[in-house]
Protein backbone atom coordinates (compact mmCIF):
# COMPACT_ATOMS: atom_id res chain seq x y z
CA UNK A 1 -123.20 35.39 43.51
CA UNK A 2 -122.27 38.22 45.50
CA UNK A 3 -124.76 39.65 47.60
CA UNK A 4 -126.04 42.91 47.04
CA UNK A 5 -126.97 45.33 49.98
CA UNK A 6 -129.40 48.09 49.02
CA UNK A 7 -129.49 50.98 51.41
CA UNK A 8 -133.14 52.48 52.48
CA UNK A 9 -134.31 55.33 50.27
CA UNK A 10 -133.46 58.91 50.72
CA UNK A 11 -135.98 60.76 52.90
CA UNK A 12 -138.83 62.10 50.59
CA UNK A 13 -138.97 65.81 51.93
CA UNK A 14 -142.20 66.41 50.46
CA UNK A 15 -144.15 63.25 51.52
CA UNK A 16 -143.00 64.18 55.14
CA UNK A 17 -144.49 68.02 54.69
CA UNK A 18 -147.53 66.46 53.13
CA UNK A 19 -147.69 63.93 56.81
CA UNK A 20 -147.29 67.12 58.54
CA UNK A 21 -149.96 68.82 56.61
CA UNK A 22 -152.61 66.17 57.04
CA UNK A 23 -151.48 66.43 61.12
CA UNK A 24 -152.31 70.19 61.05
CA UNK A 25 -155.65 69.42 59.30
CA UNK A 26 -156.94 67.42 61.92
CA UNK A 27 -159.08 68.23 65.02
CA UNK A 28 -158.16 67.54 68.48
CA UNK A 29 -159.98 63.93 68.49
CA UNK A 30 -158.17 62.91 65.31
CA UNK A 31 -154.88 63.88 66.88
CA UNK A 32 -155.63 62.16 69.63
CA UNK A 33 -156.60 59.36 67.69
CA UNK A 34 -153.10 59.18 65.75
CA UNK A 35 -151.68 59.47 68.99
CA UNK A 36 -153.02 56.22 70.02
CA UNK A 37 -151.84 54.63 66.72
CA UNK A 38 -148.32 55.97 67.15
CA UNK A 39 -147.59 55.65 70.86
CA UNK A 40 -149.95 52.62 71.91
CA UNK A 41 -151.65 54.67 74.55
CA UNK A 42 -153.73 57.63 74.67
CA UNK A 43 -152.39 61.15 75.56
CA UNK A 44 -152.86 62.69 78.65
CA UNK A 45 -156.38 64.20 78.84
CA UNK A 46 -155.70 67.93 79.28
CA UNK A 47 -153.14 67.80 76.28
CA UNK A 48 -153.64 70.92 74.16
CA UNK A 49 -154.10 70.48 70.48
CA UNK A 50 -151.02 72.69 69.93
CA UNK A 51 -148.58 69.83 71.73
CA UNK A 52 -150.66 67.09 70.34
CA UNK A 53 -149.68 68.26 67.35
CA UNK A 54 -146.17 69.01 67.70
CA UNK A 55 -145.42 66.06 69.23
CA UNK A 56 -146.15 63.85 66.51
CA UNK A 57 -145.06 66.09 63.94
CA UNK A 58 -141.74 65.91 65.44
CA UNK A 59 -142.04 62.02 66.27
CA UNK A 60 -142.66 62.06 62.04
CA UNK A 61 -139.40 63.83 61.04
CA UNK A 62 -137.78 61.81 63.58
CA UNK A 63 -138.47 58.56 62.04
CA UNK A 64 -137.72 59.90 58.55
CA UNK A 65 -134.76 62.24 59.30
CA UNK A 66 -133.46 60.71 62.66
CA UNK A 67 -134.10 61.72 65.74
CA UNK A 68 -131.74 63.97 68.10
CA UNK A 69 -128.34 61.78 69.13
CA UNK A 70 -127.64 60.19 72.85
CA UNK A 71 -125.50 63.27 74.15
CA UNK A 72 -128.17 65.93 73.14
CA UNK A 73 -131.22 63.91 74.62
CA UNK A 74 -129.40 63.56 77.93
CA UNK A 75 -128.38 67.02 78.11
CA UNK A 76 -132.23 68.03 77.55
CA UNK A 77 -133.31 65.51 79.75
CA UNK A 78 -131.16 66.92 82.69
CA UNK A 79 -132.43 70.48 81.87
CA UNK A 80 -135.43 72.47 83.88
CA UNK A 81 -135.82 74.68 81.10
CA UNK A 82 -135.20 75.82 77.24
CA UNK A 83 -133.00 78.51 78.39
CA UNK A 84 -130.97 76.00 80.52
CA UNK A 85 -130.37 73.56 77.88
CA UNK A 86 -129.25 76.48 75.72
CA UNK A 87 -126.63 77.43 78.18
CA UNK A 88 -125.71 73.56 79.15
CA UNK A 89 -124.83 73.34 75.12
CA UNK A 90 -122.86 75.99 74.98
CA UNK A 91 -120.71 75.51 78.36
CA UNK A 92 -120.21 72.02 76.47
CA UNK A 93 -119.13 73.27 73.27
CA UNK A 94 -116.69 75.66 74.76
CA UNK A 95 -115.09 72.34 76.73
CA UNK A 96 -114.51 70.30 73.82
CA UNK A 97 -111.81 71.46 71.47
CA UNK A 98 -111.94 71.57 67.57
CA UNK A 99 -109.84 69.28 65.87
CA UNK A 100 -108.16 70.29 62.78
CA UNK A 101 -107.54 67.40 59.91
CA UNK A 102 -103.69 66.17 60.55
CA UNK A 103 -103.88 66.55 63.87
CA UNK A 104 -102.46 63.37 65.88
CA UNK A 105 -104.07 62.38 69.14
CA UNK A 106 -102.25 59.76 71.73
CA UNK A 107 -103.46 57.95 74.87
CA UNK A 108 -101.86 55.15 76.63
CA UNK A 109 -104.30 52.44 77.59
CA UNK A 110 -103.28 49.19 79.11
CA UNK A 111 -99.32 50.07 79.05
CA UNK A 112 -99.60 50.69 75.15
CA UNK A 113 -99.74 53.84 72.98
CA UNK A 114 -102.64 54.70 71.35
CA UNK A 115 -102.42 57.03 68.43
CA UNK A 116 -105.31 58.49 66.46
CA UNK A 117 -105.19 60.52 63.08
CA UNK A 118 -107.91 63.09 62.77
CA UNK A 119 -109.43 63.45 59.34
CA UNK A 120 -111.33 65.48 57.30
CA UNK A 121 -114.30 62.58 57.60
CA UNK A 122 -113.20 60.71 60.31
CA UNK A 123 -110.48 59.18 62.85
CA UNK A 124 -107.90 56.89 61.39
CA UNK A 125 -106.77 54.20 64.13
CA UNK A 126 -104.90 50.85 63.54
CA UNK A 127 -105.67 51.03 59.66
CA UNK A 128 -109.38 52.01 60.06
CA UNK A 129 -111.76 55.11 59.39
CA UNK A 130 -114.27 55.01 62.24
CA UNK A 131 -117.04 58.22 62.03
CA UNK A 132 -116.41 59.42 65.54
CA UNK A 133 -113.55 59.43 68.43
CA UNK A 134 -116.35 57.90 70.63
CA UNK A 135 -116.21 54.52 68.29
CA UNK A 136 -112.63 54.59 68.42
CA UNK A 137 -112.23 54.58 72.29
CA UNK A 138 -114.64 51.51 72.03
CA UNK A 139 -112.34 49.70 69.67
CA UNK A 140 -109.54 50.68 71.96
CA UNK A 141 -111.29 49.53 74.97
CA UNK A 142 -114.13 47.40 74.33
CA UNK A 143 -116.01 49.71 76.69
CA UNK A 144 -118.18 52.53 75.69
CA UNK A 145 -116.43 55.86 76.38
CA UNK A 146 -116.64 59.51 75.60
CA UNK A 147 -114.23 59.72 72.94
CA UNK A 148 -113.34 63.75 74.16
CA UNK A 149 -112.97 62.49 77.10
CA UNK A 150 -111.33 59.36 76.68
CA UNK A 151 -108.61 61.43 74.57
CA UNK A 152 -108.40 64.35 77.34
CA UNK A 153 -109.74 66.79 75.01
CA UNK A 154 -112.64 68.23 77.42
CA UNK A 155 -111.66 70.56 80.15
CA UNK A 156 -112.45 70.42 83.30
CA UNK A 157 -116.05 71.83 84.12
CA UNK A 158 -116.23 75.39 85.79
CA UNK A 159 -117.14 74.59 89.46
CA UNK A 160 -120.77 74.15 90.46
CA UNK A 161 -121.60 72.98 86.70
CA UNK A 162 -123.02 69.43 86.21
CA UNK A 163 -123.76 68.49 82.99
């Protein structure tokens, strides 16, 4: 008998909004207790209520809707201010080429030419469809690569710029 795989239920926005509303109604002591339950440790004693609430609300949203991708997290971790993070994101976007469906990418790897077709919903390589260029680069090399960097789609960064 074939197995049936059941996908997780789609996120329920009303339930999430209700949880955030309950957080909003908690006092500082309640938020600190909730923090301890979520993170397994007590928050810093001088963390103000509005930051306790924002971090807990973000954690709820990330748990239900999904967190930031790794590249965005690294970009924020390296930033010293919100303005710096925004500027770095703009620079990174400028350095990445936009690909249109039908474009063919080619890269020589270990003496063999690898060709990838850009599709509307991903990338085709070796008869399989991949959701990102990074997944294609991993399939080709067996190691983790930035897909755009592997296929030479990123310009060289401006002098003095370190993402």
